[in-house]
């Protein structure tokens, strides 16, 4: 499937999976938000 901004979309999805695989489950949403913000900034 092709998205309007395919490359950016791929980067965001990869960042999400990296954060989730590192932290696992069970945290509050805010923890994931902060971690994803840091990952996207890097």
PDB file of N, CA and C in Angstrom:
ATOM      1  N   UNK A   1       0.845  -1.166   0.000  1.00  0.00           N
ATOM      2  CA  UNK A   1       0.000   0.000   0.000  1.00  0.00           C
ATOM      3  C   UNK A   1       0.897   1.239   0.000  1.00  0.00           C
ATOM      4  N   UNK A   2       0.596   2.214  -0.791  1.00  0.00           N
ATOM      5  CA  UNK A   2       1.379   3.437  -0.875  1.00  0.00           C
ATOM      6  C   UNK A   2       0.669   4.566  -0.144  1.00  0.00           C
ATOM      7  N   UNK A   3       1.417   5.262   0.670  1.00  0.00           N
ATOM      8  CA  UNK A   3       0.891   6.404   1.407  1.00  0.00           C
ATOM      9  C   UNK A   3       1.389   7.688   0.761  1.00  0.00           C
ATOM     10  N   UNK A   4       0.747   8.785   1.091  1.00  0.00           N
ATOM     11  CA  UNK A   4       1.134  10.070   0.547  1.00  0.00           C
ATOM     12  C   UNK A   4       2.586  10.398   0.895  1.00  0.00           C
ATOM     13  N   UNK A   5       2.973  10.126   2.124  1.00  0.00           N
ATOM     14  CA  UNK A   5       4.334  10.382   2.597  1.00  0.00           C
ATOM     15  C   UNK A   5       4.933   9.057   3.067  1.00  0.00           C
ATOM     16  N   UNK A   6       5.145   8.150   2.143  1.00  0.00           N
ATOM     17  CA  UNK A   6       5.558   6.782   2.447  1.00  0.00           C
ATOM     18  C   UNK A   6       6.823   6.714   3.299  1.00  0.00           C
ATOM     19  N   UNK A   7       7.851   7.475   2.933  1.00  0.00           N
ATOM     20  CA  UNK A   7       9.126   7.405   3.664  1.00  0.00           C
ATOM     21  C   UNK A   7       8.960   7.877   5.107  1.00  0.00           C
ATOM     22  N   UNK A   8       8.255   8.966   5.302  1.00  0.00           N
ATOM     23  CA  UNK A   8       8.017   9.486   6.647  1.00  0.00           C
ATOM     24  C   UNK A   8       7.166   8.512   7.459  1.00  0.00           C
ATOM     25  N   UNK A   9       6.153   7.956   6.823  1.00  0.00           N
ATOM     26  CA  UNK A   9       5.295   6.979   7.487  1.00  0.00           C
ATOM     27  C   UNK A   9       6.105   5.775   7.947  1.00  0.00           C
ATOM     28  N   UNK A  10       6.989   5.277   7.102  1.00  0.00           N
ATOM     29  CA  UNK A  10       7.835   4.139   7.465  1.00  0.00           C
ATOM     30  C   UNK A  10       8.722   4.463   8.657  1.00  0.00           C
ATOM     31  N   UNK A  11       9.276   5.660   8.700  1.00  0.00           N
ATOM     32  CA  UNK A  11      10.145   6.058   9.805  1.00  0.00           C
ATOM     33  C   UNK A  11       9.373   6.126  11.123  1.00  0.00           C
ATOM     34  N   UNK A  12       8.154   6.650  11.063  1.00  0.00           N
ATOM     35  CA  UNK A  12       7.338   6.756  12.272  1.00  0.00           C
ATOM     36  C   UNK A  12       6.961   5.363  12.777  1.00  0.00           C
ATOM     37  N   UNK A  13       6.562   4.481  11.881  1.00  0.00           N
ATOM     38  CA  UNK A  13       6.186   3.122  12.284  1.00  0.00           C
ATOM     39  C   UNK A  13       7.391   2.378  12.860  1.00  0.00           C
ATOM     40  N   UNK A  14       8.551   2.510  12.249  1.00  0.00           N
ATOM     41  CA  UNK A  14       9.760   1.867  12.775  1.00  0.00           C
ATOM     42  C   UNK A  14      10.105   2.399  14.155  1.00  0.00           C
ATOM     43  N   UNK A  15       9.955   3.703  14.352  1.00  0.00           N
ATOM     44  CA  UNK A  15      10.227   4.299  15.663  1.00  0.00           C
ATOM     45  C   UNK A  15       9.255   3.753  16.706  1.00  0.00           C
ATOM     46  N   UNK A  16       7.987   3.643  16.338  1.00  0.00           N
ATOM     47  CA  UNK A  16       6.996   3.091  17.259  1.00  0.00           C
ATOM     48  C   UNK A  16       7.372   1.682  17.698  1.00  0.00           C
ATOM     49  N   UNK A  17       7.720   0.819  16.728  1.00  0.00           N
ATOM     50  CA  UNK A  17       8.056  -0.557  17.065  1.00  0.00           C
ATOM     51  C   UNK A  17       9.327  -0.637  17.892  1.00  0.00           C
ATOM     52  N   UNK A  18      10.284   0.225  17.630  1.00  0.00           N
ATOM     53  CA  UNK A  18      11.515   0.233  18.423  1.00  0.00           C
ATOM     54  C   UNK A  18      11.208   0.576  19.879  1.00  0.00           C
ATOM     55  N   UNK A  19      10.378   1.595  20.080  1.00  0.00           N
ATOM     56  CA  UNK A  19       9.989   1.990  21.441  1.00  0.00           C
ATOM     57  C   UNK A  19       9.216   0.866  22.115  1.00  0.00           C
ATOM     58  N   UNK A  20       8.235   0.323  21.436  1.00  0.00           N
ATOM     59  CA  UNK A  20       7.402  -0.719  22.040  1.00  0.00           C
ATOM     60  C   UNK A  20       8.215  -1.971  22.357  1.00  0.00           C
ATOM     61  N   UNK A  21       9.088  -2.373  21.445  1.00  0.00           N
ATOM     62  CA  UNK A  21       9.895  -3.565  21.688  1.00  0.00           C
ATOM     63  C   UNK A  21      10.899  -3.346  22.815  1.00  0.00           C
ATOM     64  N   UNK A  22      11.342  -2.126  22.986  1.00  0.00           N
ATOM     65  CA  UNK A  22      12.284  -1.824  24.069  1.00  0.00           C
ATOM     66  C   UNK A  22      11.573  -1.770  25.418  1.00  0.00           C
ATOM     67  N   UNK A  23      10.439  -1.085  25.480  1.00  0.00           N
ATOM     68  CA  UNK A  23       9.737  -0.893  26.758  1.00  0.00           C
ATOM     69  C   UNK A  23       8.810  -2.051  27.115  1.00  0.00           C
ATOM     70  N   UNK A  24       8.268  -2.723  26.111  1.00  0.00           N
ATOM     71  CA  UNK A  24       7.285  -3.762  26.395  1.00  0.00           C
ATOM     72  C   UNK A  24       5.934  -3.143  26.683  1.00  0.00           C
ATOM     73  N   UNK A  25       5.089  -3.864  27.389  1.00  0.00           N
ATOM     74  CA  UNK A  25       3.743  -3.368  27.659  1.00  0.00           C
ATOM     75  C   UNK A  25       3.588  -3.088  29.147  1.00  0.00           C
ATOM     76  N   UNK A  26       2.545  -2.360  29.487  1.00  0.00           N
ATOM     77  CA  UNK A  26       2.216  -2.141  30.884  1.00  0.00           C
ATOM     78  C   UNK A  26       2.487  -0.738  31.397  1.00  0.00           C
ATOM     79  N   UNK A  27       3.029   0.135  30.573  1.00  0.00           N
ATOM     80  CA  UNK A  27       3.285   1.501  31.008  1.00  0.00           C
ATOM     81  C   UNK A  27       2.098   2.388  30.684  1.00  0.00           C
ATOM     82  N   UNK A  28       2.063   3.531  31.330  1.00  0.00           N
ATOM     83  CA  UNK A  28       1.052   4.524  30.995  1.00  0.00           C
ATOM     84  C   UNK A  28       1.337   5.105  29.619  1.00  0.00           C
ATOM     85  N   UNK A  29       0.301   5.631  28.981  1.00  0.00           N
ATOM     86  CA  UNK A  29       0.439   6.164  27.634  1.00  0.00           C
ATOM     87  C   UNK A  29       1.492   7.269  27.577  1.00  0.00           C
ATOM     88  N   UNK A  30       1.581   8.051  28.626  1.00  0.00           N
ATOM     89  CA  UNK A  30       2.525   9.173  28.658  1.00  0.00           C
ATOM     90  C   UNK A  30       3.975   8.685  28.540  1.00  0.00           C
ATOM     91  N   UNK A  31       4.283   7.547  29.103  1.00  0.00           N
ATOM     92  CA  UNK A  31       5.633   6.982  29.010  1.00  0.00           C
ATOM     93  C   UNK A  31       5.962   6.676  27.549  1.00  0.00           C
ATOM     94  N   UNK A  32       5.029   6.071  26.845  1.00  0.00           N
ATOM     95  CA  UNK A  32       5.231   5.761  25.426  1.00  0.00           C
ATOM     96  C   UNK A  32       5.325   7.043  24.591  1.00  0.00           C
ATOM     97  N   UNK A  33       4.517   8.036  24.927  1.00  0.00           N
ATOM     98  CA  UNK A  33       4.572   9.310  24.205  1.00  0.00           C
ATOM     99  C   UNK A  33       5.955   9.945  24.341  1.00  0.00           C
ATOM    100  N   UNK A  34       6.459   9.988  25.555  1.00  0.00           N
ATOM    101  CA  UNK A  34       7.776  10.584  25.787  1.00  0.00           C
ATOM    102  C   UNK A  34       8.870   9.811  25.080  1.00  0.00           C
ATOM    103  N   UNK A  35       8.817   8.497  25.149  1.00  0.00           N
ATOM    104  CA  UNK A  35       9.829   7.666  24.504  1.00  0.00           C
ATOM    105  C   UNK A  35       9.769   7.819  22.988  1.00  0.00           C
ATOM    106  N   UNK A  36       8.576   7.877  22.430  1.00  0.00           N
ATOM    107  CA  UNK A  36       8.432   8.042  20.985  1.00  0.00           C
ATOM    108  C   UNK A  36       8.906   9.427  20.559  1.00  0.00           C
ATOM    109  N   UNK A  37       8.628  10.436  21.349  1.00  0.00           N
ATOM    110  CA  UNK A  37       9.118  11.774  21.052  1.00  0.00           C
ATOM    111  C   UNK A  37      10.636  11.794  20.989  1.00  0.00           C
ATOM    112  N   UNK A  38      11.286  11.173  21.954  1.00  0.00           N
ATOM    113  CA  UNK A  38      12.754  11.117  21.975  1.00  0.00           C
ATOM    114  C   UNK A  38      13.279  10.348  20.775  1.00  0.00           C
ATOM    115  N   UNK A  39      12.663   9.224  20.466  1.00  0.00           N
ATOM    116  CA  UNK A  39      13.105   8.405  19.334  1.00  0.00           C
ATOM    117  C   UNK A  39      12.940   9.150  18.013  1.00  0.00           C
ATOM    118  N   UNK A  40      11.836   9.836  17.823  1.00  0.00           N
ATOM    119  CA  UNK A  40      11.611  10.578  16.593  1.00  0.00           C
ATOM    120  C   UNK A  40      12.571  11.768  16.484  1.00  0.00           C
ATOM    121  N   UNK A  41      12.881  12.376  17.596  1.00  0.00           N
ATOM    122  CA  UNK A  41      13.805  13.508  17.602  1.00  0.00           C
ATOM    123  C   UNK A  41      15.203  13.064  17.215  1.00  0.00           C
ATOM    124  N   UNK A  42      15.576  11.860  17.650  1.00  0.00           N
ATOM    125  CA  UNK A  42      16.912  11.331  17.314  1.00  0.00           C
ATOM    126  C   UNK A  42      16.958  10.974  15.849  1.00  0.00           C
TER     127      UNK A  42
END
